[in-house]
Amino acid sequence: MAEFRFRDIEIWQLAVEIGNQLFILLTTLKLYCFADRTRGTALAISNNIAEGSGPGSKKDFAQFLNIANRSCLEDASNANRVPVTRSNMQRSQEQLLGETG
């Protein structure tokens, strides 16, 4: 079976880690629609990186990275809406953004 190139991309690894942290954090919330939306955008970050890493041009990959970045920003924005998760989510988002910036 062929190896997937995205598994070696550091930003994908960080996105998966942050997505996992958000999943754990959001399972305790009773705000189901909010939690579902935030989990969806958390998954979109790593999924777009993986999708863009496939065959295609550098321009295509850059577009997928742009979409992943937008999902990351959406999660960072969501972190400001729920006080109980704000510090944990912001810390995770700042880590990802800081390491990629």
PDB file of N, CA and C in Angstrom:
ATOM      1  N   MET A   1       0.840  -1.181   0.000  1.00  0.00           N
ATOM      2  CA  MET A   1       0.000   0.000   0.000  1.00  0.00           C
ATOM      3  C   MET A   1       0.885   1.245   0.000  1.00  0.00           C
ATOM      4  N   ALA A   2       0.538   2.193  -0.815  1.00  0.00           N
ATOM      5  CA  ALA A   2       1.332   3.416  -0.939  1.00  0.00           C
ATOM      6  C   ALA A   2       1.188   4.291   0.309  1.00  0.00           C
ATOM      7  N   GLU A   3       2.267   4.960   0.637  1.00  0.00           N
ATOM      8  CA  GLU A   3       2.247   5.907   1.753  1.00  0.00           C
ATOM      9  C   GLU A   3       1.608   7.212   1.297  1.00  0.00           C
ATOM     10  N   PHE A   4       0.911   7.855   2.189  1.00  0.00           N
ATOM     11  CA  PHE A   4       0.321   9.149   1.897  1.00  0.00           C
ATOM     12  C   PHE A   4       1.314  10.239   2.250  1.00  0.00           C
ATOM     13  N   ARG A   5       1.544  11.127   1.323  1.00  0.00           N
ATOM     14  CA  ARG A   5       2.521  12.203   1.502  1.00  0.00           C
ATOM     15  C   ARG A   5       2.164  13.136   2.657  1.00  0.00           C
ATOM     16  N   PHE A   6       0.877  13.364   2.883  1.00  0.00           N
ATOM     17  CA  PHE A   6       0.468  14.329   3.908  1.00  0.00           C
ATOM     18  C   PHE A   6       0.890  13.915   5.310  1.00  0.00           C
ATOM     19  N   ARG A   7       1.088  12.630   5.541  1.00  0.00           N
ATOM     20  CA  ARG A   7       1.482  12.172   6.876  1.00  0.00           C
ATOM     21  C   ARG A   7       2.839  12.721   7.308  1.00  0.00           C
ATOM     22  N   ASP A   8       3.651  13.105   6.342  1.00  0.00           N
ATOM     23  CA  ASP A   8       4.976  13.658   6.639  1.00  0.00           C
ATOM     24  C   ASP A   8       4.977  15.177   6.760  1.00  0.00           C
ATOM     25  N   ILE A   9       3.848  15.806   6.497  1.00  0.00           N
ATOM     26  CA  ILE A   9       3.768  17.265   6.542  1.00  0.00           C
ATOM     27  C   ILE A   9       3.486  17.697   7.979  1.00  0.00           C
ATOM     28  N   GLU A  10       4.403  18.478   8.539  1.00  0.00           N
ATOM     29  CA  GLU A  10       4.314  18.867   9.951  1.00  0.00           C
ATOM     30  C   GLU A  10       3.016  19.605  10.268  1.00  0.00           C
ATOM     31  N   ILE A  11       2.568  20.483   9.384  1.00  0.00           N
ATOM     32  CA  ILE A  11       1.348  21.245   9.659  1.00  0.00           C
ATOM     33  C   ILE A  11       0.131  20.322   9.719  1.00  0.00           C
ATOM     34  N   TRP A  12       0.122  19.258   8.931  1.00  0.00           N
ATOM     35  CA  TRP A  12      -0.968  18.287   8.994  1.00  0.00           C
ATOM     36  C   TRP A  12      -0.949  17.592  10.351  1.00  0.00           C
ATOM     37  N   GLN A  13       0.239  17.215  10.819  1.00  0.00           N
ATOM     38  CA  GLN A  13       0.363  16.564  12.118  1.00  0.00           C
ATOM     39  C   GLN A  13      -0.148  17.468  13.235  1.00  0.00           C
ATOM     40  N   LEU A  14       0.180  18.763  13.162  1.00  0.00           N
ATOM     41  CA  LEU A  14      -0.308  19.715  14.172  1.00  0.00           C
ATOM     42  C   LEU A  14      -1.819  19.889  14.075  1.00  0.00           C
ATOM     43  N   ALA A  15      -2.337  19.941  12.860  1.00  0.00           N
ATOM     44  CA  ALA A  15      -3.779  20.099  12.670  1.00  0.00           C
ATOM     45  C   ALA A  15      -4.533  18.906  13.252  1.00  0.00           C
ATOM     46  N   VAL A  16      -4.019  17.712  13.070  1.00  0.00           N
ATOM     47  CA  VAL A  16      -4.650  16.516  13.646  1.00  0.00           C
ATOM     48  C   VAL A  16      -4.617  16.597  15.168  1.00  0.00           C
ATOM     49  N   GLU A  17      -3.498  17.012  15.712  1.00  0.00           N
ATOM     50  CA  GLU A  17      -3.370  17.131  17.165  1.00  0.00           C
ATOM     51  C   GLU A  17      -4.382  18.140  17.717  1.00  0.00           C
ATOM     52  N   ILE A  18      -4.499  19.271  17.072  1.00  0.00           N
ATOM     53  CA  ILE A  18      -5.456  20.279  17.537  1.00  0.00           C
ATOM     54  C   ILE A  18      -6.891  19.790  17.351  1.00  0.00           C
ATOM     55  N   GLY A  19      -7.168  19.133  16.237  1.00  0.00           N
ATOM     56  CA  GLY A  19      -8.497  18.561  16.038  1.00  0.00           C
ATOM     57  C   GLY A  19      -8.851  17.571  17.130  1.00  0.00           C
ATOM     58  N   ASN A  20      -7.901  16.739  17.507  1.00  0.00           N
ATOM     59  CA  ASN A  20      -8.134  15.778  18.590  1.00  0.00           C
ATOM     60  C   ASN A  20      -8.399  16.488  19.914  1.00  0.00           C
ATOM     61  N   GLN A  21      -7.640  17.547  20.190  1.00  0.00           N
ATOM     62  CA  GLN A  21      -7.847  18.313  21.420  1.00  0.00           C
ATOM     63  C   GLN A  21      -9.237  18.939  21.435  1.00  0.00           C
ATOM     64  N   LEU A  22      -9.655  19.479  20.290  1.00  0.00           N
ATOM     65  CA  LEU A  22     -10.982  20.095  20.216  1.00  0.00           C
ATOM     66  C   LEU A  22     -12.078  19.056  20.395  1.00  0.00           C
ATOM     67  N   PHE A  23     -11.914  17.879  19.812  1.00  0.00           N
ATOM     68  CA  PHE A  23     -12.900  16.821  19.986  1.00  0.00           C
ATOM     69  C   PHE A  23     -13.080  16.484  21.459  1.00  0.00           C
ATOM     70  N   ILE A  24     -11.976  16.322  22.158  1.00  0.00           N
ATOM     71  CA  ILE A  24     -12.034  15.993  23.584  1.00  0.00           C
ATOM     72  C   ILE A  24     -12.702  17.123  24.363  1.00  0.00           C
ATOM     73  N   LEU A  25     -12.283  18.327  24.087  1.00  0.00           N
ATOM     74  CA  LEU A  25     -12.807  19.492  24.782  1.00  0.00           C
ATOM     75  C   LEU A  25     -14.300  19.682  24.537  1.00  0.00           C
ATOM     76  N   LEU A  26     -14.727  19.497  23.315  1.00  0.00           N
ATOM     77  CA  LEU A  26     -16.116  19.777  22.951  1.00  0.00           C
ATOM     78  C   LEU A  26     -17.083  18.670  23.320  1.00  0.00           C
ATOM     79  N   THR A  27     -16.602  17.497  23.663  1.00  0.00           N
ATOM     80  CA  THR A  27     -17.520  16.425  24.052  1.00  0.00           C
ATOM     81  C   THR A  27     -18.220  16.743  25.366  1.00  0.00           C
ATOM     82  N   THR A  28     -17.663  17.644  26.155  1.00  0.00           N
ATOM     83  CA  THR A  28     -18.274  17.979  27.442  1.00  0.00           C
ATOM     84  C   THR A  28     -19.310  19.095  27.323  1.00  0.00           C
ATOM     85  N   LEU A  29     -19.385  19.760  26.184  1.00  0.00           N
ATOM     86  CA  LEU A  29     -20.318  20.879  26.032  1.00  0.00           C
ATOM     87  C   LEU A  29     -21.726  20.405  25.729  1.00  0.00           C
ATOM     88  N   LYS A  30     -22.682  21.148  26.220  1.00  0.00           N
ATOM     89  CA  LYS A  30     -24.083  20.860  25.948  1.00  0.00           C
ATOM     90  C   LYS A  30     -24.590  21.700  24.764  1.00  0.00           C
ATOM     91  N   LEU A  31     -23.716  22.454  24.148  1.00  0.00           N
ATOM     92  CA  LEU A  31     -24.070  23.274  22.994  1.00  0.00           C
ATOM     93  C   LEU A  31     -23.824  22.454  21.729  1.00  0.00           C
ATOM     94  N   TYR A  32     -24.748  21.558  21.436  1.00  0.00           N
ATOM     95  CA  TYR A  32     -24.502  20.543  20.424  1.00  0.00           C
ATOM     96  C   TYR A  32     -24.245  21.108  19.029  1.00  0.00           C
ATOM     97  N   CYS A  33     -25.053  22.060  18.579  1.00  0.00           N
ATOM     98  CA  CYS A  33     -24.843  22.628  17.238  1.00  0.00           C
ATOM     99  C   CYS A  33     -23.491  23.327  17.150  1.00  0.00           C
ATOM    100  N   PHE A  34     -23.160  24.086  18.168  1.00  0.00           N
ATOM    101  CA  PHE A  34     -21.873  24.776  18.200  1.00  0.00           C
ATOM    102  C   PHE A  34     -20.729  23.770  18.194  1.00  0.00           C
ATOM    103  N   ALA A  35     -20.844  22.755  19.030  1.00  0.00           N
ATOM    104  CA  ALA A  35     -19.791  21.743  19.127  1.00  0.00           C
ATOM    105  C   ALA A  35     -19.644  20.994  17.811  1.00  0.00           C
ATOM    106  N   ASP A  36     -20.758  20.650  17.175  1.00  0.00           N
ATOM    107  CA  ASP A  36     -20.691  19.947  15.893  1.00  0.00           C
ATOM    108  C   ASP A  36     -20.012  20.796  14.830  1.00  0.00           C
ATOM    109  N   ARG A  37     -20.367  22.058  14.774  1.00  0.00           N
ATOM    110  CA  ARG A  37     -19.772  22.961  13.782  1.00  0.00           C
ATOM    111  C   ARG A  37     -18.261  23.106  14.018  1.00  0.00           C
ATOM    112  N   THR A  38     -17.887  23.274  15.265  1.00  0.00           N
ATOM    113  CA  THR A  38     -16.473  23.448  15.593  1.00  0.00           C
ATOM    114  C   THR A  38     -15.687  22.171  15.317  1.00  0.00           C
ATOM    115  N   ARG A  39     -16.271  21.020  15.634  1.00  0.00           N
ATOM    116  CA  ARG A  39     -15.601  19.756  15.304  1.00  0.00           C
ATOM    117  C   ARG A  39     -15.448  19.613  13.798  1.00  0.00           C
ATOM    118  N   GLY A  40     -16.459  20.038  13.049  1.00  0.00           N
ATOM    119  CA  GLY A  40     -16.395  19.952  11.588  1.00  0.00           C
ATOM    120  C   GLY A  40     -15.274  20.794  11.010  1.00  0.00           C
ATOM    121  N   THR A  41     -15.127  22.019  11.513  1.00  0.00           N
ATOM    122  CA  THR A  41     -14.049  22.862  11.003  1.00  0.00           C
ATOM    123  C   THR A  41     -12.691  22.363  11.482  1.00  0.00           C
ATOM    124  N   ALA A  42     -12.655  21.753  12.660  1.00  0.00           N
ATOM    125  CA  ALA A  42     -11.390  21.172  13.134  1.00  0.00           C
ATOM    126  C   ALA A  42     -10.948  20.037  12.215  1.00  0.00           C
ATOM    127  N   LEU A  43     -11.892  19.222  11.792  1.00  0.00           N
ATOM    128  CA  LEU A  43     -11.571  18.149  10.844  1.00  0.00           C
ATOM    129  C   LEU A  43     -11.185  18.708   9.479  1.00  0.00           C
ATOM    130  N   ALA A  44     -11.828  19.787   9.083  1.00  0.00           N
ATOM    131  CA  ALA A  44     -11.568  20.380   7.767  1.00  0.00           C
ATOM    132  C   ALA A  44     -10.121  20.852   7.638  1.00  0.00           C
ATOM    133  N   ILE A  45      -9.524  21.273   8.737  1.00  0.00           N
ATOM    134  CA  ILE A  45      -8.144  21.768   8.689  1.00  0.00           C
ATOM    135  C   ILE A  45      -7.220  20.674   8.163  1.00  0.00           C
ATOM    136  N   SER A  46      -7.177  19.539   8.846  1.00  0.00           N
ATOM    137  CA  SER A  46      -6.276  18.463   8.420  1.00  0.00           C
ATOM    138  C   SER A  46      -6.739  17.813   7.116  1.00  0.00           C
ATOM    139  N   ASN A  47      -8.057  17.720   6.900  1.00  0.00           N
ATOM    140  CA  ASN A  47      -8.555  17.108   5.674  1.00  0.00           C
ATOM    141  C   ASN A  47      -8.167  17.909   4.435  1.00  0.00           C
ATOM    142  N   ASN A  48      -8.221  19.224   4.518  1.00  0.00           N
ATOM    143  CA  ASN A  48      -7.842  20.040   3.371  1.00  0.00           C
ATOM    144  C   ASN A  48      -6.342  19.960   3.092  1.00  0.00           C
ATOM    145  N   ILE A  49      -5.550  19.876   4.135  1.00  0.00           N
ATOM    146  CA  ILE A  49      -4.104  19.709   3.948  1.00  0.00           C
ATOM    147  C   ILE A  49      -3.835  18.370   3.263  1.00  0.00           C
ATOM    148  N   ALA A  50      -4.496  17.328   3.733  1.00  0.00           N
ATOM    149  CA  ALA A  50      -4.315  16.004   3.133  1.00  0.00           C
ATOM    150  C   ALA A  50      -4.772  15.998   1.676  1.00  0.00           C
ATOM    151  N   GLU A  51      -5.936  16.554   1.415  1.00  0.00           N
ATOM    152  CA  GLU A  51      -6.465  16.578   0.045  1.00  0.00           C
ATOM    153  C   GLU A  51      -5.551  17.356  -0.898  1.00  0.00           C
ATOM    154  N   GLY A  52      -5.052  18.476  -0.430  1.00  0.00           N
ATOM    155  CA  GLY A  52      -4.186  19.300  -1.266  1.00  0.00           C
ATOM    156  C   GLY A  52      -2.821  18.696  -1.521  1.00  0.00           C
ATOM    157  N   SER A  53      -2.414  17.758  -0.669  1.00  0.00           N
ATOM    158  CA  SER A  53      -1.084  17.168  -0.821  1.00  0.00           C
ATOM    159  C   SER A  53      -1.031  16.114  -1.921  1.00  0.00           C
ATOM    160  N   GLY A  54      -2.173  15.768  -2.470  1.00  0.00           N
ATOM    161  CA  GLY A  54      -2.215  14.774  -3.538  1.00  0.00           C
ATOM    162  C   GLY A  54      -1.633  15.321  -4.825  1.00  0.00           C
ATOM    163  N   PRO A  55      -1.765  14.532  -5.879  1.00  0.00           N
ATOM    164  CA  PRO A  55      -1.226  14.985  -7.160  1.00  0.00           C
ATOM    165  C   PRO A  55      -1.863  16.309  -7.572  1.00  0.00           C
ATOM    166  N   GLY A  56      -1.085  17.165  -8.062  1.00  0.00           N
ATOM    167  CA  GLY A  56      -1.573  18.473  -8.469  1.00  0.00           C
ATOM    168  C   GLY A  56      -0.447  19.477  -8.421  1.00  0.00           C
ATOM    169  N   SER A  57      -0.790  20.683  -8.749  1.00  0.00           N
ATOM    170  CA  SER A  57       0.224  21.735  -8.805  1.00  0.00           C
ATOM    171  C   SER A  57       0.451  22.349  -7.424  1.00  0.00           C
ATOM    172  N   LYS A  58       1.533  23.109  -7.329  1.00  0.00           N
ATOM    173  CA  LYS A  58       1.801  23.851  -6.089  1.00  0.00           C
ATOM    174  C   LYS A  58       0.705  24.881  -5.853  1.00  0.00           C
ATOM    175  N   LYS A  59       0.167  25.429  -6.927  1.00  0.00           N
ATOM    176  CA  LYS A  59      -0.929  26.395  -6.812  1.00  0.00           C
ATOM    177  C   LYS A  59      -2.170  25.735  -6.203  1.00  0.00           C
ATOM    178  N   ASP A  60      -2.472  24.517  -6.637  1.00  0.00           N
ATOM    179  CA  ASP A  60      -3.600  23.777  -6.059  1.00  0.00           C
ATOM    180  C   ASP A  60      -3.378  23.526  -4.571  1.00  0.00           C
ATOM    181  N   PHE A  61      -2.173  23.099  -4.224  1.00  0.00           N
ATOM    182  CA  PHE A  61      -1.850  22.823  -2.823  1.00  0.00           C
ATOM    183  C   PHE A  61      -1.977  24.096  -1.992  1.00  0.00           C
ATOM    184  N   ALA A  62      -1.506  25.210  -2.522  1.00  0.00           N
ATOM    185  CA  ALA A  62      -1.606  26.493  -1.816  1.00  0.00           C
ATOM    186  C   ALA A  62      -3.071  26.853  -1.555  1.00  0.00           C
ATOM    187  N   GLN A  63      -3.952  26.548  -2.508  1.00  0.00           N
ATOM    188  CA  GLN A  63      -5.376  26.839  -2.330  1.00  0.00           C
ATOM    189  C   GLN A  63      -5.958  26.000  -1.186  1.00  0.00           C
ATOM    190  N   PHE A  64      -5.588  24.732  -1.121  1.00  0.00           N
ATOM    191  CA  PHE A  64      -6.069  23.883  -0.031  1.00  0.00           C
ATOM    192  C   PHE A  64      -5.522  24.351   1.319  1.00  0.00           C
ATOM    193  N   LEU A  65      -4.279  24.810   1.333  1.00  0.00           N
ATOM    194  CA  LEU A  65      -3.715  25.357   2.574  1.00  0.00           C
ATOM    195  C   LEU A  65      -4.462  26.624   2.990  1.00  0.00           C
ATOM    196  N   ASN A  66      -4.863  27.428   2.024  1.00  0.00           N
ATOM    197  CA  ASN A  66      -5.643  28.629   2.316  1.00  0.00           C
ATOM    198  C   ASN A  66      -6.986  28.254   2.944  1.00  0.00           C
ATOM    199  N   ILE A  67      -7.631  27.241   2.408  1.00  0.00           N
ATOM    200  CA  ILE A  67      -8.916  26.787   2.956  1.00  0.00           C
ATOM    201  C   ILE A  67      -8.711  26.244   4.380  1.00  0.00           C
ATOM    202  N   ALA A  68      -7.651  25.485   4.585  1.00  0.00           N
ATOM    203  CA  ALA A  68      -7.351  24.955   5.921  1.00  0.00           C
ATOM    204  C   ALA A  68      -7.118  26.098   6.905  1.00  0.00           C
ATOM    205  N   ASN A  69      -6.403  27.123   6.462  1.00  0.00           N
ATOM    206  CA  ASN A  69      -6.152  28.287   7.306  1.00  0.00           C
ATOM    207  C   ASN A  69      -7.458  28.977   7.691  1.00  0.00           C
ATOM    208  N   ARG A  70      -8.365  29.083   6.757  1.00  0.00           N
ATOM    209  CA  ARG A  70      -9.667  29.716   7.049  1.00  0.00           C
ATOM    210  C   ARG A  70     -10.452  28.909   8.077  1.00  0.00           C
ATOM    211  N   SER A  71     -10.383  27.589   7.988  1.00  0.00           N
ATOM    212  CA  SER A  71     -11.051  26.750   8.990  1.00  0.00           C
ATOM    213  C   SER A  71     -10.412  26.944  10.356  1.00  0.00           C
ATOM    214  N   CYS A  72      -9.107  27.088  10.375  1.00  0.00           N
ATOM    215  CA  CYS A  72      -8.386  27.335  11.627  1.00  0.00           C
ATOM    216  C   CYS A  72      -8.842  28.655  12.244  1.00  0.00           C
ATOM    217  N   LEU A  73      -8.973  29.664  11.410  1.00  0.00           N
ATOM    218  CA  LEU A  73      -9.436  30.969  11.905  1.00  0.00           C
ATOM    219  C   LEU A  73     -10.874  30.900  12.409  1.00  0.00           C
ATOM    220  N   GLU A  74     -11.698  30.093  11.754  1.00  0.00           N
ATOM    221  CA  GLU A  74     -13.076  29.917  12.208  1.00  0.00           C
ATOM    222  C   GLU A  74     -13.103  29.280  13.592  1.00  0.00           C
ATOM    223  N   ASP A  75     -12.274  28.271  13.805  1.00  0.00           N
ATOM    224  CA  ASP A  75     -12.199  27.661  15.138  1.00  0.00           C
ATOM    225  C   ASP A  75     -11.680  28.650  16.182  1.00  0.00           C
ATOM    226  N   ALA A  76     -10.705  29.464  15.794  1.00  0.00           N
ATOM    227  CA  ALA A  76     -10.183  30.476  16.721  1.00  0.00           C
ATOM    228  C   ALA A  76     -11.284  31.469  17.091  1.00  0.00           C
ATOM    229  N   SER A  77     -12.102  31.826  16.121  1.00  0.00           N
ATOM    230  CA  SER A  77     -13.225  32.728  16.388  1.00  0.00           C
ATOM    231  C   SER A  77     -14.236  32.064  17.316  1.00  0.00           C
ATOM    232  N   ASN A  78     -14.521  30.797  17.081  1.00  0.00           N
ATOM    233  CA  ASN A  78     -15.461  30.063  17.932  1.00  0.00           C
ATOM    234  C   ASN A  78     -14.981  29.984  19.374  1.00  0.00           C
ATOM    235  N   ALA A  79     -13.680  29.971  19.563  1.00  0.00           N
ATOM    236  CA  ALA A  79     -13.125  29.893  20.913  1.00  0.00           C
ATOM    237  C   ALA A  79     -13.533  31.091  21.756  1.00  0.00           C
ATOM    238  N   ASN A  80     -13.837  32.178  21.120  1.00  0.00           N
ATOM    239  CA  ASN A  80     -14.230  33.387  21.851  1.00  0.00           C
ATOM    240  C   ASN A  80     -15.694  33.394  22.247  1.00  0.00           C
ATOM    241  N   ARG A  81     -16.441  32.416  21.825  1.00  0.00           N
ATOM    242  CA  ARG A  81     -17.875  32.396  22.092  1.00  0.00           C
ATOM    243  C   ARG A  81     -18.261  31.584  23.327  1.00  0.00           C
ATOM    244  N   VAL A  82     -17.399  30.691  23.749  1.00  0.00           N
ATOM    245  CA  VAL A  82     -17.728  29.833  24.887  1.00  0.00           C
ATOM    246  C   VAL A  82     -16.646  29.992  25.952  1.00  0.00           C
ATOM    247  N   PRO A  83     -16.967  30.688  27.041  1.00  0.00           N
ATOM    248  CA  PRO A  83     -15.951  30.983  28.055  1.00  0.00           C
ATOM    249  C   PRO A  83     -15.230  29.761  28.596  1.00  0.00           C
ATOM    250  N   VAL A  84     -15.917  28.644  28.766  1.00  0.00           N
ATOM    251  CA  VAL A  84     -15.292  27.482  29.379  1.00  0.00           C
ATOM    252  C   VAL A  84     -14.202  26.894  28.490  1.00  0.00           C
ATOM    253  N   THR A  85     -14.289  27.115  27.182  1.00  0.00           N
ATOM    254  CA  THR A  85     -13.294  26.534  26.274  1.00  0.00           C
ATOM    255  C   THR A  85     -12.297  27.560  25.765  1.00  0.00           C
ATOM    256  N   ARG A  86     -12.549  28.814  26.027  1.00  0.00           N
ATOM    257  CA  ARG A  86     -11.768  29.883  25.410  1.00  0.00           C
ATOM    258  C   ARG A  86     -10.263  29.713  25.583  1.00  0.00           C
ATOM    259  N   SER A  87      -9.792  29.541  26.806  1.00  0.00           N
ATOM    260  CA  SER A  87      -8.343  29.497  27.010  1.00  0.00           C
ATOM    261  C   SER A  87      -7.721  28.259  26.370  1.00  0.00           C
ATOM    262  N   ASN A  88      -8.368  27.114  26.484  1.00  0.00           N
ATOM    263  CA  ASN A  88      -7.815  25.893  25.894  1.00  0.00           C
ATOM    264  C   ASN A  88      -7.802  25.947  24.377  1.00  0.00           C
ATOM    265  N   MET A  89      -8.896  26.397  23.769  1.00  0.00           N
ATOM    266  CA  MET A  89      -8.953  26.458  22.314  1.00  0.00           C
ATOM    267  C   MET A  89      -8.014  27.516  21.775  1.00  0.00           C
ATOM    268  N   GLN A  90      -7.947  28.675  22.426  1.00  0.00           N
ATOM    269  CA  GLN A  90      -7.058  29.722  21.951  1.00  0.00           C
ATOM    270  C   GLN A  90      -5.611  29.272  22.028  1.00  0.00           C
ATOM    271  N   ARG A  91      -5.260  28.586  23.100  1.00  0.00           N
ATOM    272  CA  ARG A  91      -3.899  28.088  23.236  1.00  0.00           C
ATOM    273  C   ARG A  91      -3.569  27.137  22.082  1.00  0.00           C
ATOM    274  N   SER A  92      -4.497  26.244  21.752  1.00  0.00           N
ATOM    275  CA  SER A  92      -4.281  25.300  20.660  1.00  0.00           C
ATOM    276  C   SER A  92      -4.163  26.029  19.325  1.00  0.00           C
ATOM    277  N   GLN A  93      -5.069  26.962  19.086  1.00  0.00           N
ATOM    278  CA  GLN A  93      -5.050  27.694  17.815  1.00  0.00           C
ATOM    279  C   GLN A  93      -3.792  28.541  17.702  1.00  0.00           C
ATOM    280  N   GLU A  94      -3.416  29.205  18.788  1.00  0.00           N
ATOM    281  CA  GLU A  94      -2.214  30.033  18.757  1.00  0.00           C
ATOM    282  C   GLU A  94      -0.979  29.177  18.512  1.00  0.00           C
ATOM    283  N   GLN A  95      -0.970  27.966  19.041  1.00  0.00           N
ATOM    284  CA  GLN A  95       0.150  27.062  18.804  1.00  0.00           C
ATOM    285  C   GLN A  95       0.242  26.731  17.319  1.00  0.00           C
ATOM    286  N   LEU A  96      -0.876  26.362  16.730  1.00  0.00           N
ATOM    287  CA  LEU A  96      -0.865  26.016  15.312  1.00  0.00           C
ATOM    288  C   LEU A  96      -0.504  27.218  14.456  1.00  0.00           C
ATOM    289  N   LEU A  97      -1.130  28.350  14.713  1.00  0.00           N
ATOM    290  CA  LEU A  97      -0.855  29.535  13.916  1.00  0.00           C
ATOM    291  C   LEU A  97       0.572  30.025  14.121  1.00  0.00           C
ATOM    292  N   GLY A  98       1.067  29.945  15.361  1.00  0.00           N
ATOM    293  CA  GLY A  98       2.418  30.392  15.658  1.00  0.00           C
ATOM    294  C   GLY A  98       3.478  29.534  14.990  1.00  0.00           C
ATOM    295  N   GLU A  99       3.216  28.246  14.925  1.00  0.00           N
ATOM    296  CA  GLU A  99       4.186  27.336  14.336  1.00  0.00           C
ATOM    297  C   GLU A  99       4.144  27.362  12.819  1.00  0.00           C
ATOM    298  N   THR A 100       3.044  27.884  12.259  1.00  0.00           N
ATOM    299  CA  THR A 100       2.943  27.925  10.796  1.00  0.00           C
ATOM    300  C   THR A 100       3.218  29.311  10.252  1.00  0.00           C
ATOM    301  N   GLY A 101       3.137  30.326  11.113  1.00  0.00           N
ATOM    302  CA  GLY A 101       3.282  31.707  10.670  1.00  0.00           C
ATOM    303  C   GLY A 101       4.680  32.016  10.355  1.00  0.00           C
TER     304      GLY A 101
END
